[in-house]
Protein backbone atom coordinates (compact mmCIF):
# COMPACT_ATOMS: atom_id res chain seq x y z
CA MET A 1 -43.71 -38.43 4.79
CA LYS A 2 -40.79 -38.83 2.38
CA LYS A 3 -42.02 -35.84 0.35
CA LEU A 4 -42.20 -33.69 3.50
CA PHE A 5 -38.69 -34.74 4.52
CA PHE A 6 -37.33 -34.13 1.01
CA THR A 7 -39.05 -30.72 0.75
CA SER A 8 -37.70 -29.68 4.16
CA PHE A 9 -34.22 -30.83 3.18
CA MET A 10 -34.34 -28.87 -0.10
CA PHE A 11 -35.62 -25.77 1.70
CA LEU A 12 -32.72 -25.91 4.19
CA PHE A 13 -30.23 -26.54 1.38
CA VAL A 14 -31.40 -23.50 -0.59
CA LEU A 15 -31.49 -21.35 2.54
CA CYS A 16 -27.94 -22.31 3.48
CA ALA A 17 -26.68 -21.78 -0.06
CA CYS A 18 -28.16 -18.28 -0.20
CA THR A 19 -26.63 -17.17 3.09
CA GLN A 20 -23.03 -17.94 2.20
CA ASN A 21 -20.91 -14.84 1.73
CA ASP A 22 -19.11 -14.42 -1.53
CA PRO A 23 -15.39 -13.94 -0.97
CA GLU A 24 -14.02 -10.47 -1.63
CA PRO A 25 -12.84 -10.12 -5.21
CA GLU A 26 -9.12 -10.60 -5.62
CA ILE A 27 -7.20 -7.46 -6.52
CA ILE A 28 -5.23 -8.10 -9.67
CA ILE A 29 -2.36 -5.82 -10.60
CA ASP A 30 -1.61 -5.27 -14.26
CA TYR A 31 2.10 -4.45 -14.28
CA GLU A 32 1.70 -2.68 -17.62
CA GLU A 33 -0.93 -0.28 -16.23
CA SER A 34 -0.68 2.20 -13.40
CA PHE A 35 -2.45 0.51 -10.50
CA VAL A 36 -1.40 3.33 -8.16
CA ALA A 37 -2.55 6.39 -10.17
CA GLY A 38 -3.80 9.21 -7.94
CA ASP A 39 -2.93 10.63 -4.53
CA TRP A 40 -1.67 8.47 -1.66
CA LYS A 41 -1.60 10.20 1.72
CA LEU A 42 0.38 9.20 4.79
CA VAL A 43 -2.08 7.80 7.34
CA LYS A 44 0.08 5.90 9.83
CA SER A 45 3.66 5.61 11.07
CA VAL A 46 4.75 2.60 13.14
CA GLY A 47 8.08 2.56 14.93
CA SER A 48 10.34 -0.37 14.15
CA MET A 49 12.42 -0.30 17.35
CA VAL A 50 9.95 1.28 19.74
CA ASP A 51 6.36 0.16 19.31
CA VAL A 52 4.84 3.60 18.76
CA THR A 53 2.02 4.14 16.29
CA LEU A 54 1.12 7.63 15.10
CA GLU A 55 -2.06 8.32 13.13
CA GLY A 56 -4.10 11.34 12.07
CA GLU A 57 -3.04 14.60 13.72
CA GLU A 58 -0.38 12.78 15.74
CA LEU A 59 1.70 12.55 12.54
CA LYS A 60 2.57 16.28 12.65
CA ARG A 61 3.12 16.33 8.89
CA GLU A 62 1.30 15.77 5.64
CA GLU A 63 3.00 13.57 3.09
CA ILE A 64 1.49 12.75 -0.31
CA TYR A 65 2.62 10.73 -3.31
CA THR A 66 0.84 11.63 -6.55
CA PHE A 67 1.22 8.99 -9.26
CA THR A 68 0.24 9.52 -12.90
CA ASN A 69 -0.51 7.02 -15.66
CA ASP A 70 2.58 8.11 -17.61
CA GLY A 71 4.90 6.59 -14.98
CA THR A 72 5.83 9.79 -13.13
CA PHE A 73 5.24 10.83 -9.53
CA THR A 74 5.46 13.80 -7.20
CA LYS A 75 6.17 13.49 -3.49
CA THR A 76 5.29 16.42 -1.24
CA VAL A 77 5.99 16.84 2.45
CA ASP A 78 4.44 19.62 4.51
CA ALA A 79 5.50 19.75 8.15
CA GLU A 80 5.34 22.59 10.66
CA ASP A 81 8.74 23.98 9.74
CA TYR A 82 9.59 22.07 6.58
CA GLN A 83 8.11 21.88 3.07
CA SER A 84 9.58 20.02 0.14
CA GLU A 85 8.70 18.46 -3.18
CA ALA A 86 10.43 15.85 -5.32
CA THR A 87 9.61 14.28 -8.67
CA GLY A 88 10.63 11.23 -10.58
CA THR A 89 9.56 8.07 -12.36
CA PHE A 90 8.19 4.77 -11.09
CA VAL A 91 7.62 1.19 -12.16
CA ILE A 92 5.50 -1.53 -10.58
CA GLU A 93 7.31 -4.80 -10.01
CA LYS A 94 6.29 -8.19 -8.69
CA VAL A 95 6.91 -8.82 -5.02
CA SER A 96 9.38 -11.48 -3.96
CA GLU A 97 7.93 -14.92 -3.31
CA GLU A 98 8.64 -14.81 0.44
CA MET A 99 6.58 -11.61 0.82
CA GLN A 100 3.52 -12.68 -1.20
CA ASP A 101 1.58 -13.49 1.98
CA ARG A 102 1.50 -9.74 2.83
CA TYR A 103 2.16 -7.82 -0.40
CA MET A 104 1.12 -8.09 -4.04
CA GLY A 105 3.55 -5.72 -5.73
CA VAL A 106 6.25 -3.10 -5.27
CA VAL A 107 6.26 0.46 -6.59
CA VAL A 108 9.90 1.34 -7.25
CA LEU A 109 10.51 5.10 -7.33
CA THR A 110 13.50 6.83 -8.92
CA PHE A 111 13.86 10.46 -7.88
CA THR A 112 14.99 12.77 -10.68
CA GLY A 113 14.18 16.29 -9.48
CA GLY A 114 13.44 18.49 -6.51
CA ASP A 115 14.45 17.80 -2.95
CA GLY A 116 15.92 14.32 -2.52
CA MET A 117 13.55 12.61 -0.13
CA ALA A 118 13.99 8.90 -0.79
CA TYR A 119 13.23 6.88 2.34
CA ASN A 120 15.62 3.96 2.32
CA CYS A 121 18.58 2.49 4.22
CA SER A 122 20.95 2.19 1.31
CA SER A 123 23.64 4.75 0.66
CA ASP A 124 24.14 3.07 -2.72
CA GLU A 125 20.66 3.93 -3.95
CA VAL A 126 20.10 7.42 -2.57
CA GLU A 127 17.61 8.31 -5.33
CA ARG A 128 15.47 5.14 -5.05
CA GLU A 129 12.60 4.21 -2.80
CA SER A 130 10.27 1.21 -2.69
CA LEU A 131 6.63 1.17 -1.62
CA HIS A 132 5.01 -2.24 -1.17
CA ILE A 133 1.37 -2.70 -2.20
CA SER A 134 -0.29 -4.50 0.69
CA LEU A 135 -3.12 -7.00 0.42
CA GLU A 136 -5.21 -4.35 2.24
CA ASN A 137 -4.66 -1.96 -0.71
CA GLN A 138 -2.24 0.35 1.07
CA LEU A 139 1.22 1.48 0.05
CA VAL A 140 3.74 0.62 2.76
CA ASN A 141 7.30 1.90 2.97
CA ILE A 142 9.25 -0.77 4.84
CA SER A 143 12.63 0.45 3.56
CA TRP A 144 13.54 2.42 6.70
CA ALA A 145 12.70 -0.31 9.23
CA PRO A 146 16.08 -2.11 8.94
CA CYS A 147 17.75 1.21 9.89
CA ASP A 148 15.45 1.69 12.90
CA GLY A 149 13.12 3.97 10.94
CA PRO A 150 9.33 3.72 10.90
CA TRP A 151 6.99 1.70 8.71
CA LEU A 152 4.93 4.26 6.76
CA TYR A 153 1.39 3.52 5.52
CA TYR A 154 -0.38 5.44 2.74
CA ASP A 155 -4.03 5.32 1.61
CA ASN A 156 -5.62 6.74 -1.55
């Protein structure tokens, strides 16, 4: 009877152990390497004052950041009546401690050529823009929100 009980217990233990899900692997950013290399396309815009979310064809424009491993980027915007392109350099920085529950890094852009299209609220840093790397592996521009602008989300 003890052997039957022990065998049943072991069977249940093994069965339970095999059905546990492994946690998703943690994304680790190497600040010396280009984590963001490639194209990142605008996929969503969320209003900061008015709760309006635009996605897909509702966006009415295509916006793409192209990052290279040499620390340069290109930003292109193609709207119905407006096209522009800007270039510059970028670095990846650590996110502030109070934002680590939502973001794992910040891509800081410095525009050096083309049409100035930095999305930020600061008149002091007209040529700079920051994109936060979310825990969901998206780039998020939260720089306009304090000035009543939208939160912009980009996927690669």
